Amino acid sequence: MTVQNTPLPFQVITPVYNAETQIAETIESVLKQSHLLNYWIIDGGSTDKTLEVVRSFHHPSIHVVSEKDLGLYDALAKGLEQI
């Protein structure tokens, strides 16, 4: 059996709700990291332009789930289910 030295990507989860003015800065900060990563943005069904901002990044590491949730911890649990 051979063991490959392929680095595993970091999994980053950001729960968000109606954060159109803050989410771009958050995404830019995460994407500046030098590590291989999968970035999960779990949106609680925002009614502002949060999703438009998120989708404007067109980055292959960004994965988005948008649906009503029961708050921060429920959103984090949904993110962990994606991993």
C-alpha atoms as a PDB file:
ATOM      1  CA  MET A   1       0.000   0.000   0.000  1.00  0.00           C
ATOM      2  CA  THR A   2       1.325   3.428  -0.894  1.00  0.00           C
ATOM      3  CA  VAL A   3       0.507   6.577   0.983  1.00  0.00           C
ATOM      4  CA  GLN A   4       0.124   9.707  -1.076  1.00  0.00           C
ATOM      5  CA  ASN A   5       1.336  13.013   0.278  1.00  0.00           C
ATOM      6  CA  THR A   6      -1.578  14.971  -1.130  1.00  0.00           C
ATOM      7  CA  PRO A   7      -2.599  17.814   1.184  1.00  0.00           C
ATOM      8  CA  LEU A   8      -6.210  17.780   2.287  1.00  0.00           C
ATOM      9  CA  PRO A   9      -8.084  21.048   1.858  1.00  0.00           C
ATOM     10  CA  PHE A  10      -9.149  23.087   4.848  1.00  0.00           C
ATOM     11  CA  GLN A  11     -12.912  23.406   5.246  1.00  0.00           C
ATOM     12  CA  VAL A  12     -14.074  26.919   6.135  1.00  0.00           C
ATOM     13  CA  ILE A  13     -17.707  27.621   7.044  1.00  0.00           C
ATOM     14  CA  THR A  14     -19.234  31.090   7.250  1.00  0.00           C
ATOM     15  CA  PRO A  15     -22.829  31.323   8.459  1.00  0.00           C
ATOM     16  CA  VAL A  16     -24.433  34.504   7.184  1.00  0.00           C
ATOM     17  CA  TYR A  17     -27.763  36.322   7.171  1.00  0.00           C
ATOM     18  CA  ASN A  18     -28.422  39.750   5.621  1.00  0.00           C
ATOM     19  CA  ALA A  19     -24.764  40.796   5.559  1.00  0.00           C
ATOM     20  CA  GLU A  20     -24.436  42.438   2.153  1.00  0.00           C
ATOM     21  CA  THR A  21     -22.158  45.167   3.549  1.00  0.00           C
ATOM     22  CA  GLN A  22     -19.780  42.770   5.343  1.00  0.00           C
ATOM     23  CA  ILE A  23     -19.671  39.517   3.358  1.00  0.00           C
ATOM     24  CA  ALA A  24     -17.323  40.680   0.576  1.00  0.00           C
ATOM     25  CA  GLU A  25     -14.605  41.586   3.080  1.00  0.00           C
ATOM     26  CA  THR A  26     -15.046  38.216   4.790  1.00  0.00           C
ATOM     27  CA  ILE A  27     -14.793  36.297   1.513  1.00  0.00           C
ATOM     28  CA  GLU A  28     -11.728  38.266   0.398  1.00  0.00           C
ATOM     29  CA  SER A  29     -10.021  37.517   3.704  1.00  0.00           C
ATOM     30  CA  VAL A  30     -10.711  33.785   3.438  1.00  0.00           C
ATOM     31  CA  LEU A  31      -9.593  33.583  -0.196  1.00  0.00           C
ATOM     32  CA  LYS A  32      -6.280  35.310   0.632  1.00  0.00           C
ATOM     33  CA  GLN A  33      -5.197  32.274   2.638  1.00  0.00           C
ATOM     34  CA  SER A  34      -2.375  30.307   1.069  1.00  0.00           C
ATOM     35  CA  HIS A  35      -3.855  26.920   1.975  1.00  0.00           C
ATOM     36  CA  LEU A  36      -5.965  24.714  -0.250  1.00  0.00           C
ATOM     37  CA  LEU A  37      -9.532  25.133   0.960  1.00  0.00           C
ATOM     38  CA  ASN A  38     -13.204  24.520   0.399  1.00  0.00           C
ATOM     39  CA  TYR A  39     -15.221  27.529   1.480  1.00  0.00           C
ATOM     40  CA  TRP A  40     -18.819  26.907   2.540  1.00  0.00           C
ATOM     41  CA  ILE A  41     -21.094  29.929   2.880  1.00  0.00           C
ATOM     42  CA  ILE A  42     -24.310  28.981   4.643  1.00  0.00           C
ATOM     43  CA  ASP A  43     -26.900  31.692   4.126  1.00  0.00           C
ATOM     44  CA  GLY A  44     -30.020  31.676   6.281  1.00  0.00           C
ATOM     45  CA  GLY A  45     -32.281  32.945   3.511  1.00  0.00           C
ATOM     46  CA  SER A  46     -31.079  36.541   3.343  1.00  0.00           C
ATOM     47  CA  THR A  47     -33.535  39.093   2.015  1.00  0.00           C
ATOM     48  CA  ASP A  48     -30.929  41.703   1.089  1.00  0.00           C
ATOM     49  CA  LYS A  49     -28.219  41.424  -1.598  1.00  0.00           C
ATOM     50  CA  THR A  50     -25.952  39.046   0.331  1.00  0.00           C
ATOM     51  CA  LEU A  51     -26.295  36.237  -2.214  1.00  0.00           C
ATOM     52  CA  GLU A  52     -25.635  38.580  -5.129  1.00  0.00           C
ATOM     53  CA  VAL A  53     -22.392  39.663  -3.478  1.00  0.00           C
ATOM     54  CA  VAL A  54     -21.382  36.059  -2.744  1.00  0.00           C
ATOM     55  CA  ARG A  55     -22.129  34.876  -6.274  1.00  0.00           C
ATOM     56  CA  SER A  56     -20.181  37.768  -7.794  1.00  0.00           C
ATOM     57  CA  PHE A  57     -16.934  36.100  -6.692  1.00  0.00           C
ATOM     58  CA  HIS A  58     -17.207  33.159  -9.149  1.00  0.00           C
ATOM     59  CA  HIS A  59     -14.519  31.235  -7.264  1.00  0.00           C
ATOM     60  CA  PRO A  60     -14.251  27.425  -7.548  1.00  0.00           C
ATOM     61  CA  SER A  61     -13.570  27.032  -3.807  1.00  0.00           C
ATOM     62  CA  ILE A  62     -16.828  28.765  -2.802  1.00  0.00           C
ATOM     63  CA  HIS A  63     -19.877  26.593  -2.196  1.00  0.00           C
ATOM     64  CA  VAL A  64     -23.178  28.205  -1.196  1.00  0.00           C
ATOM     65  CA  VAL A  65     -26.190  26.806   0.628  1.00  0.00           C
ATOM     66  CA  SER A  66     -29.082  29.228   1.022  1.00  0.00           C
ATOM     67  CA  GLU A  67     -32.169  28.244   2.984  1.00  0.00           C
ATOM     68  CA  LYS A  68     -33.954  29.193   6.169  1.00  0.00           C
ATOM     69  CA  ASP A  69     -32.264  27.908   9.284  1.00  0.00           C
ATOM     70  CA  LEU A  70     -32.740  28.107  13.037  1.00  0.00           C
ATOM     71  CA  GLY A  71     -29.815  30.454  13.644  1.00  0.00           C
ATOM     72  CA  LEU A  72     -26.046  30.419  13.896  1.00  0.00           C
ATOM     73  CA  TYR A  73     -25.587  26.913  15.295  1.00  0.00           C
ATOM     74  CA  ASP A  74     -28.047  25.366  12.867  1.00  0.00           C
ATOM     75  CA  ALA A  75     -26.195  27.059   9.993  1.00  0.00           C
ATOM     76  CA  LEU A  76     -22.858  25.721  11.264  1.00  0.00           C
ATOM     77  CA  ALA A  77     -24.352  22.225  11.524  1.00  0.00           C
ATOM     78  CA  LYS A  78     -25.570  22.509   7.917  1.00  0.00           C
ATOM     79  CA  GLY A  79     -22.063  23.474   6.898  1.00  0.00           C
ATOM     80  CA  LEU A  80     -20.575  20.481   8.682  1.00  0.00           C
ATOM     81  CA  GLU A  81     -23.044  18.220   6.864  1.00  0.00           C
ATOM     82  CA  GLN A  82     -21.533  19.414   3.571  1.00  0.00           C
ATOM     83  CA  ILE A  83     -18.025  18.279   4.460  1.00  0.00           C
END
